[in-house]
Amino acid sequence: MPNLIMFFGTECAHCHEMNPLIDKLEKELKITVTRLEMWHDSKNKTLFDKHAKDKCMAVPFFFNEKNEKFICGKTTYDKLKEWAK
């Protein structure tokens, strides 16, 4: 089961802007962020609904299953790094 998840939408410009930061984070921390497309995948949308609950209604949505930290929307590299630890 993934620990770090990025929920995204295929056509989401903000999600695409976050991809280089996620790539950098994965390299620097030697981790994997599971990227789940939720606009066209009902299974991923159900998982998004479970984790986002009242926290977030949009993508990108970052969820850390280990400590339940989350980020709703576009963010900075430093905030992503803190979220992933």
PDB file of N, CA and C in Angstrom:
ATOM      1  N   MET A   1       0.848  -1.191   0.000  1.00  0.00           N
ATOM      2  CA  MET A   1       0.000   0.000   0.000  1.00  0.00           C
ATOM      3  C   MET A   1       0.887   1.245   0.000  1.00  0.00           C
ATOM      4  N   PRO A   2       0.520   2.229  -0.807  1.00  0.00           N
ATOM      5  CA  PRO A   2       1.347   3.445  -0.863  1.00  0.00           C
ATOM      6  C   PRO A   2       1.280   4.231   0.438  1.00  0.00           C
ATOM      7  N   ASN A   3       2.336   4.933   0.702  1.00  0.00           N
ATOM      8  CA  ASN A   3       2.401   5.793   1.879  1.00  0.00           C
ATOM      9  C   ASN A   3       2.136   7.242   1.479  1.00  0.00           C
ATOM     10  N   LEU A   4       2.741   7.681   0.391  1.00  0.00           N
ATOM     11  CA  LEU A   4       2.597   9.047  -0.096  1.00  0.00           C
ATOM     12  C   LEU A   4       1.828   9.034  -1.411  1.00  0.00           C
ATOM     13  N   ILE A   5       0.746   9.792  -1.457  1.00  0.00           N
ATOM     14  CA  ILE A   5      -0.109   9.790  -2.642  1.00  0.00           C
ATOM     15  C   ILE A   5      -0.320  11.210  -3.146  1.00  0.00           C
ATOM     16  N   MET A   6      -0.220  11.365  -4.454  1.00  0.00           N
ATOM     17  CA  MET A   6      -0.630  12.597  -5.116  1.00  0.00           C
ATOM     18  C   MET A   6      -1.830  12.255  -5.984  1.00  0.00           C
ATOM     19  N   PHE A   7      -2.974  12.833  -5.660  1.00  0.00           N
ATOM     20  CA  PHE A   7      -4.155  12.694  -6.505  1.00  0.00           C
ATOM     21  C   PHE A   7      -4.120  13.839  -7.511  1.00  0.00           C
ATOM     22  N   PHE A   8      -4.380  13.516  -8.778  1.00  0.00           N
ATOM     23  CA  PHE A   8      -4.325  14.535  -9.822  1.00  0.00           C
ATOM     24  C   PHE A   8      -5.399  14.287 -10.862  1.00  0.00           C
ATOM     25  N   GLY A   9      -5.604  15.281 -11.700  1.00  0.00           N
ATOM     26  CA  GLY A   9      -6.489  15.163 -12.848  1.00  0.00           C
ATOM     27  C   GLY A   9      -5.675  15.336 -14.115  1.00  0.00           C
ATOM     28  N   THR A  10      -5.968  14.536 -15.108  1.00  0.00           N
ATOM     29  CA  THR A  10      -5.209  14.557 -16.353  1.00  0.00           C
ATOM     30  C   THR A  10      -5.131  15.957 -16.961  1.00  0.00           C
ATOM     31  N   GLU A  11      -6.232  16.683 -16.942  1.00  0.00           N
ATOM     32  CA  GLU A  11      -6.280  18.002 -17.577  1.00  0.00           C
ATOM     33  C   GLU A  11      -5.953  19.135 -16.605  1.00  0.00           C
ATOM     34  N   CYS A  12      -5.507  18.829 -15.399  1.00  0.00           N
ATOM     35  CA  CYS A  12      -5.253  19.833 -14.363  1.00  0.00           C
ATOM     36  C   CYS A  12      -3.880  20.493 -14.559  1.00  0.00           C
ATOM     37  N   ALA A  13      -3.888  21.779 -14.896  1.00  0.00           N
ATOM     38  CA  ALA A  13      -2.633  22.502 -15.123  1.00  0.00           C
ATOM     39  C   ALA A  13      -1.798  22.586 -13.840  1.00  0.00           C
ATOM     40  N   HIS A  14      -2.439  22.812 -12.701  1.00  0.00           N
ATOM     41  CA  HIS A  14      -1.705  22.896 -11.434  1.00  0.00           C
ATOM     42  C   HIS A  14      -1.032  21.562 -11.104  1.00  0.00           C
ATOM     43  N   CYS A  15      -1.697  20.473 -11.424  1.00  0.00           N
ATOM     44  CA  CYS A  15      -1.117  19.145 -11.187  1.00  0.00           C
ATOM     45  C   CYS A  15       0.152  18.967 -12.018  1.00  0.00           C
ATOM     46  N   HIS A  16       0.086  19.363 -13.281  1.00  0.00           N
ATOM     47  CA  HIS A  16       1.259  19.240 -14.154  1.00  0.00           C
ATOM     48  C   HIS A  16       2.407  20.110 -13.654  1.00  0.00           C
ATOM     49  N   GLU A  17       2.090  21.266 -13.080  1.00  0.00           N
ATOM     50  CA  GLU A  17       3.125  22.140 -12.533  1.00  0.00           C
ATOM     51  C   GLU A  17       3.820  21.502 -11.331  1.00  0.00           C
ATOM     52  N   MET A  18       3.128  20.633 -10.615  1.00  0.00           N
ATOM     53  CA  MET A  18       3.685  19.992  -9.425  1.00  0.00           C
ATOM     54  C   MET A  18       4.585  18.802  -9.765  1.00  0.00           C
ATOM     55  N   ASN A  19       4.427  18.217 -10.932  1.00  0.00           N
ATOM     56  CA  ASN A  19       5.200  17.015 -11.280  1.00  0.00           C
ATOM     57  C   ASN A  19       6.717  17.180 -11.167  1.00  0.00           C
ATOM     58  N   PRO A  20       7.314  18.271 -11.656  1.00  0.00           N
ATOM     59  CA  PRO A  20       8.773  18.417 -11.493  1.00  0.00           C
ATOM     60  C   PRO A  20       9.191  18.487 -10.019  1.00  0.00           C
ATOM     61  N   LEU A  21       8.351  19.084  -9.178  1.00  0.00           N
ATOM     62  CA  LEU A  21       8.672  19.141  -7.744  1.00  0.00           C
ATOM     63  C   LEU A  21       8.593  17.756  -7.112  1.00  0.00           C
ATOM     64  N   ILE A  22       7.615  16.970  -7.523  1.00  0.00           N
ATOM     65  CA  ILE A  22       7.496  15.596  -7.013  1.00  0.00           C
ATOM     66  C   ILE A  22       8.693  14.773  -7.484  1.00  0.00           C
ATOM     67  N   ASP A  23       9.078  14.930  -8.740  1.00  0.00           N
ATOM     68  CA  ASP A  23      10.251  14.217  -9.260  1.00  0.00           C
ATOM     69  C   ASP A  23      11.495  14.555  -8.429  1.00  0.00           C
ATOM     70  N   LYS A  24      11.697  15.845  -8.157  1.00  0.00           N
ATOM     71  CA  LYS A  24      12.842  16.297  -7.366  1.00  0.00           C
ATOM     72  C   LYS A  24      12.787  15.715  -5.950  1.00  0.00           C
ATOM     73  N   LEU A  25      11.602  15.721  -5.349  1.00  0.00           N
ATOM     74  CA  LEU A  25      11.405  15.184  -4.005  1.00  0.00           C
ATOM     75  C   LEU A  25      11.747  13.694  -3.945  1.00  0.00           C
ATOM     76  N   GLU A  26      11.285  12.954  -4.925  1.00  0.00           N
ATOM     77  CA  GLU A  26      11.552  11.516  -4.966  1.00  0.00           C
ATOM     78  C   GLU A  26      13.062  11.245  -5.061  1.00  0.00           C
ATOM     79  N   LYS A  27      13.742  12.003  -5.888  1.00  0.00           N
ATOM     80  CA  LYS A  27      15.196  11.829  -6.039  1.00  0.00           C
ATOM     81  C   LYS A  27      15.931  12.197  -4.761  1.00  0.00           C
ATOM     82  N   GLU A  28      15.606  13.360  -4.216  1.00  0.00           N
ATOM     83  CA  GLU A  28      16.325  13.863  -3.050  1.00  0.00           C
ATOM     84  C   GLU A  28      16.111  12.991  -1.816  1.00  0.00           C
ATOM     85  N   LEU A  29      14.874  12.591  -1.564  1.00  0.00           N
ATOM     86  CA  LEU A  29      14.566  11.813  -0.356  1.00  0.00           C
ATOM     87  C   LEU A  29      14.590  10.306  -0.597  1.00  0.00           C
ATOM     88  N   LYS A  30      14.810   9.912  -1.864  1.00  0.00           N
ATOM     89  CA  LYS A  30      14.811   8.483  -2.221  1.00  0.00           C
ATOM     90  C   LYS A  30      13.516   7.810  -1.773  1.00  0.00           C
ATOM     91  N   ILE A  31      12.409   8.412  -2.203  1.00  0.00           N
ATOM     92  CA  ILE A  31      11.066   7.914  -1.877  1.00  0.00           C
ATOM     93  C   ILE A  31      10.268   7.776  -3.165  1.00  0.00           C
ATOM     94  N   THR A  32       9.079   7.235  -3.036  1.00  0.00           N
ATOM     95  CA  THR A  32       8.155   7.152  -4.157  1.00  0.00           C
ATOM     96  C   THR A  32       6.842   7.799  -3.752  1.00  0.00           C
ATOM     97  N   VAL A  33       6.350   8.661  -4.604  1.00  0.00           N
ATOM     98  CA  VAL A  33       5.024   9.240  -4.428  1.00  0.00           C
ATOM     99  C   VAL A  33       4.126   8.576  -5.467  1.00  0.00           C
ATOM    100  N   THR A  34       3.094   7.898  -5.011  1.00  0.00           N
ATOM    101  CA  THR A  34       2.159   7.243  -5.917  1.00  0.00           C
ATOM    102  C   THR A  34       1.219   8.300  -6.484  1.00  0.00           C
ATOM    103  N   ARG A  35       1.174   8.392  -7.802  1.00  0.00           N
ATOM    104  CA  ARG A  35       0.336   9.386  -8.472  1.00  0.00           C
ATOM    105  C   ARG A  35      -0.925   8.689  -8.988  1.00  0.00           C
ATOM    106  N   LEU A  36      -2.067   9.148  -8.500  1.00  0.00           N
ATOM    107  CA  LEU A  36      -3.335   8.531  -8.862  1.00  0.00           C
ATOM    108  C   LEU A  36      -4.236   9.540  -9.573  1.00  0.00           C
ATOM    109  N   GLU A  37      -4.552   9.249 -10.826  1.00  0.00           N
ATOM    110  CA  GLU A  37      -5.454  10.089 -11.607  1.00  0.00           C
ATOM    111  C   GLU A  37      -6.883   9.797 -11.148  1.00  0.00           C
ATOM    112  N   MET A  38      -7.633  10.835 -10.768  1.00  0.00           N
ATOM    113  CA  MET A  38      -8.953  10.597 -10.178  1.00  0.00           C
ATOM    114  C   MET A  38     -10.122  11.149 -10.974  1.00  0.00           C
ATOM    115  N   TRP A  39      -9.870  11.914 -12.010  1.00  0.00           N
ATOM    116  CA  TRP A  39     -10.978  12.453 -12.797  1.00  0.00           C
ATOM    117  C   TRP A  39     -11.574  11.414 -13.736  1.00  0.00           C
ATOM    118  N   HIS A  40     -10.761  10.469 -14.160  1.00  0.00           N
ATOM    119  CA  HIS A  40     -11.213   9.468 -15.130  1.00  0.00           C
ATOM    120  C   HIS A  40     -11.113   8.048 -14.576  1.00  0.00           C
ATOM    121  N   ASP A  41     -10.876   7.913 -13.284  1.00  0.00           N
ATOM    122  CA  ASP A  41     -10.736   6.597 -12.660  1.00  0.00           C
ATOM    123  C   ASP A  41     -11.582   6.563 -11.384  1.00  0.00           C
ATOM    124  N   SER A  42     -12.686   5.863 -11.437  1.00  0.00           N
ATOM    125  CA  SER A  42     -13.632   5.864 -10.312  1.00  0.00           C
ATOM    126  C   SER A  42     -13.043   5.230  -9.051  1.00  0.00           C
ATOM    127  N   LYS A  43     -12.169   4.250  -9.205  1.00  0.00           N
ATOM    128  CA  LYS A  43     -11.521   3.629  -8.047  1.00  0.00           C
ATOM    129  C   LYS A  43     -10.645   4.653  -7.316  1.00  0.00           C
ATOM    130  N   ASN A  44      -9.864   5.408  -8.080  1.00  0.00           N
ATOM    131  CA  ASN A  44      -9.018   6.441  -7.475  1.00  0.00           C
ATOM    132  C   ASN A  44      -9.855   7.573  -6.896  1.00  0.00           C
ATOM    133  N   LYS A  45     -10.981   7.899  -7.531  1.00  0.00           N
ATOM    134  CA  LYS A  45     -11.880   8.938  -7.018  1.00  0.00           C
ATOM    135  C   LYS A  45     -12.447   8.511  -5.671  1.00  0.00           C
ATOM    136  N   THR A  46     -12.789   7.244  -5.525  1.00  0.00           N
ATOM    137  CA  THR A  46     -13.299   6.724  -4.248  1.00  0.00           C
ATOM    138  C   THR A  46     -12.230   6.849  -3.168  1.00  0.00           C
ATOM    139  N   LEU A  47     -10.982   6.528  -3.500  1.00  0.00           N
ATOM    140  CA  LEU A  47      -9.886   6.650  -2.543  1.00  0.00           C
ATOM    141  C   LEU A  47      -9.641   8.125  -2.191  1.00  0.00           C
ATOM    142  N   PHE A  48      -9.726   8.993  -3.184  1.00  0.00           N
ATOM    143  CA  PHE A  48      -9.612  10.435  -2.938  1.00  0.00           C
ATOM    144  C   PHE A  48     -10.691  10.885  -1.957  1.00  0.00           C
ATOM    145  N   ASP A  49     -11.928  10.480  -2.202  1.00  0.00           N
ATOM    146  CA  ASP A  49     -13.037  10.866  -1.323  1.00  0.00           C
ATOM    147  C   ASP A  49     -12.802  10.393   0.109  1.00  0.00           C
ATOM    148  N   LYS A  50     -12.243   9.204   0.252  1.00  0.00           N
ATOM    149  CA  LYS A  50     -11.956   8.652   1.581  1.00  0.00           C
ATOM    150  C   LYS A  50     -10.919   9.499   2.312  1.00  0.00           C
ATOM    151  N   HIS A  51      -9.848   9.862   1.622  1.00  0.00           N
ATOM    152  CA  HIS A  51      -8.759  10.609   2.263  1.00  0.00           C
ATOM    153  C   HIS A  51      -9.043  12.107   2.365  1.00  0.00           C
ATOM    154  N   ALA A  52      -9.704  12.667   1.365  1.00  0.00           N
ATOM    155  CA  ALA A  52      -9.926  14.113   1.343  1.00  0.00           C
ATOM    156  C   ALA A  52     -11.045  14.533   2.288  1.00  0.00           C
ATOM    157  N   LYS A  53     -12.057  13.682   2.432  1.00  0.00           N
ATOM    158  CA  LYS A  53     -13.220  13.975   3.297  1.00  0.00           C
ATOM    159  C   LYS A  53     -13.566  15.451   3.252  1.00  0.00           C
ATOM    160  N   ASP A  54     -13.460  16.129   4.380  1.00  0.00           N
ATOM    161  CA  ASP A  54     -13.787  17.555   4.441  1.00  0.00           C
ATOM    162  C   ASP A  54     -12.537  18.422   4.287  1.00  0.00           C
ATOM    163  N   LYS A  55     -11.420  17.804   3.920  1.00  0.00           N
ATOM    164  CA  LYS A  55     -10.150  18.519   3.858  1.00  0.00           C
ATOM    165  C   LYS A  55      -9.949  19.262   2.540  1.00  0.00           C
ATOM    166  N   CYS A  56     -10.413  18.671   1.457  1.00  0.00           N
ATOM    167  CA  CYS A  56     -10.073  19.201   0.140  1.00  0.00           C
ATOM    168  C   CYS A  56     -11.104  18.727  -0.885  1.00  0.00           C
ATOM    169  N   MET A  57     -11.416  19.594  -1.816  1.00  0.00           N
ATOM    170  CA  MET A  57     -12.375  19.243  -2.864  1.00  0.00           C
ATOM    171  C   MET A  57     -11.763  19.326  -4.261  1.00  0.00           C
ATOM    172  N   ALA A  58     -10.444  19.511  -4.329  1.00  0.00           N
ATOM    173  CA  ALA A  58      -9.804  19.716  -5.628  1.00  0.00           C
ATOM    174  C   ALA A  58      -8.456  19.013  -5.697  1.00  0.00           C
ATOM    175  N   VAL A  59      -7.890  19.016  -6.881  1.00  0.00           N
ATOM    176  CA  VAL A  59      -6.557  18.469  -7.095  1.00  0.00           C
ATOM    177  C   VAL A  59      -5.629  19.600  -7.517  1.00  0.00           C
ATOM    178  N   PRO A  60      -4.350  19.454  -7.292  1.00  0.00           N
ATOM    179  CA  PRO A  60      -3.707  18.295  -6.682  1.00  0.00           C
ATOM    180  C   PRO A  60      -3.999  18.209  -5.187  1.00  0.00           C
ATOM    181  N   PHE A  61      -4.053  16.980  -4.722  1.00  0.00           N
ATOM    182  CA  PHE A  61      -4.248  16.690  -3.302  1.00  0.00           C
ATOM    183  C   PHE A  61      -3.182  15.680  -2.910  1.00  0.00           C
ATOM    184  N   PHE A  62      -2.396  16.047  -1.919  1.00  0.00           N
ATOM    185  CA  PHE A  62      -1.298  15.195  -1.451  1.00  0.00           C
ATOM    186  C   PHE A  62      -1.676  14.630  -0.098  1.00  0.00           C
ATOM    187  N   PHE A  63      -1.570  13.305   0.037  1.00  0.00           N
ATOM    188  CA  PHE A  63      -1.946  12.666   1.294  1.00  0.00           C
ATOM    189  C   PHE A  63      -0.871  11.699   1.734  1.00  0.00           C
ATOM    190  N   ASN A  64      -0.451  11.827   2.997  1.00  0.00           N
ATOM    191  CA  ASN A  64       0.531  10.936   3.614  1.00  0.00           C
ATOM    192  C   ASN A  64      -0.250   9.960   4.493  1.00  0.00           C
ATOM    193  N   GLU A  65      -0.348   8.715   4.056  1.00  0.00           N
ATOM    194  CA  GLU A  65      -1.137   7.722   4.788  1.00  0.00           C
ATOM    195  C   GLU A  65      -0.535   7.378   6.148  1.00  0.00           C
ATOM    196  N   LYS A  66       0.752   7.549   6.297  1.00  0.00           N
ATOM    197  CA  LYS A  66       1.420   7.184   7.544  1.00  0.00           C
ATOM    198  C   LYS A  66       1.029   8.120   8.692  1.00  0.00           C
ATOM    199  N   ASN A  67       1.018   9.423   8.428  1.00  0.00           N
ATOM    200  CA  ASN A  67       0.729  10.378   9.503  1.00  0.00           C
ATOM    201  C   ASN A  67      -0.505  11.244   9.233  1.00  0.00           C
ATOM    202  N   GLU A  68      -1.168  11.001   8.106  1.00  0.00           N
ATOM    203  CA  GLU A  68      -2.389  11.698   7.690  1.00  0.00           C
ATOM    204  C   GLU A  68      -2.191  13.193   7.421  1.00  0.00           C
ATOM    205  N   LYS A  69      -0.941  13.611   7.212  1.00  0.00           N
ATOM    206  CA  LYS A  69      -0.698  14.989   6.785  1.00  0.00           C
ATOM    207  C   LYS A  69      -1.181  15.109   5.341  1.00  0.00           C
ATOM    208  N   PHE A  70      -1.683  16.295   5.005  1.00  0.00           N
ATOM    209  CA  PHE A  70      -2.167  16.501   3.647  1.00  0.00           C
ATOM    210  C   PHE A  70      -1.871  17.926   3.192  1.00  0.00           C
ATOM    211  N   ILE A  71      -1.873  18.084   1.879  1.00  0.00           N
ATOM    212  CA  ILE A  71      -1.760  19.394   1.252  1.00  0.00           C
ATOM    213  C   ILE A  71      -2.839  19.451   0.185  1.00  0.00           C
ATOM    214  N   CYS A  72      -3.611  20.511   0.211  1.00  0.00           N
ATOM    215  CA  CYS A  72      -4.665  20.713  -0.773  1.00  0.00           C
ATOM    216  C   CYS A  72      -4.223  21.806  -1.738  1.00  0.00           C
ATOM    217  N   GLY A  73      -4.030  21.432  -2.982  1.00  0.00           N
ATOM    218  CA  GLY A  73      -3.674  22.414  -4.003  1.00  0.00           C
ATOM    219  C   GLY A  73      -2.191  22.531  -4.263  1.00  0.00           C
ATOM    220  N   LYS A  74      -1.871  23.435  -5.161  1.00  0.00           N
ATOM    221  CA  LYS A  74      -0.492  23.708  -5.555  1.00  0.00           C
ATOM    222  C   LYS A  74       0.280  24.225  -4.339  1.00  0.00           C
ATOM    223  N   THR A  75       1.541  23.825  -4.216  1.00  0.00           N
ATOM    224  CA  THR A  75       2.322  24.188  -3.035  1.00  0.00           C
ATOM    225  C   THR A  75       3.793  24.387  -3.394  1.00  0.00           C
ATOM    226  N   THR A  76       4.591  24.687  -2.390  1.00  0.00           N
ATOM    227  CA  THR A  76       6.022  24.893  -2.594  1.00  0.00           C
ATOM    228  C   THR A  76       6.788  23.587  -2.364  1.00  0.00           C
ATOM    229  N   TYR A  77       8.014  23.566  -2.829  1.00  0.00           N
ATOM    230  CA  TYR A  77       8.860  22.394  -2.626  1.00  0.00           C
ATOM    231  C   TYR A  77       9.107  22.150  -1.132  1.00  0.00           C
ATOM    232  N   ASP A  78       9.355  23.214  -0.376  1.00  0.00           N
ATOM    233  CA  ASP A  78       9.617  23.062   1.061  1.00  0.00           C
ATOM    234  C   ASP A  78       8.430  22.445   1.794  1.00  0.00           C
ATOM    235  N   LYS A  79       7.227  22.832   1.420  1.00  0.00           N
ATOM    236  CA  LYS A  79       6.031  22.256   2.060  1.00  0.00           C
ATOM    237  C   LYS A  79       5.868  20.785   1.662  1.00  0.00           C
ATOM    238  N   LEU A  80       6.163  20.457   0.415  1.00  0.00           N
ATOM    239  CA  LEU A  80       6.112  19.057  -0.004  1.00  0.00           C
ATOM    240  C   LEU A  80       7.106  18.216   0.771  1.00  0.00           C
ATOM    241  N   LYS A  81       8.282  18.758   0.956  1.00  0.00           N
ATOM    242  CA  LYS A  81       9.336  18.035   1.673  1.00  0.00           C
ATOM    243  C   LYS A  81       8.907  17.755   3.114  1.00  0.00           C
ATOM    244  N   GLU A  82       8.342  18.741   3.767  1.00  0.00           N
ATOM    245  CA  GLU A  82       7.856  18.562   5.132  1.00  0.00           C
ATOM    246  C   GLU A  82       6.731  17.525   5.173  1.00  0.00           C
ATOM    247  N   TRP A  83       5.833  17.584   4.215  1.00  0.00           N
ATOM    248  CA  TRP A  83       4.712  16.643   4.130  1.00  0.00           C
ATOM    249  C   TRP A  83       5.210  15.211   3.979  1.00  0.00           C
ATOM    250  N   ALA A  84       6.269  15.020   3.216  1.00  0.00           N
ATOM    251  CA  ALA A  84       6.762  13.669   2.909  1.00  0.00           C
ATOM    252  C   ALA A  84       7.518  13.030   4.063  1.00  0.00           C
ATOM    253  N   LYS A  85       8.025  13.828   4.994  1.00  0.00           N
ATOM    254  CA  LYS A  85       8.841  13.276   6.091  1.00  0.00           C
ATOM    255  C   LYS A  85       8.002  12.715   7.210  1.00  0.00           C
TER     256      LYS A  85
END
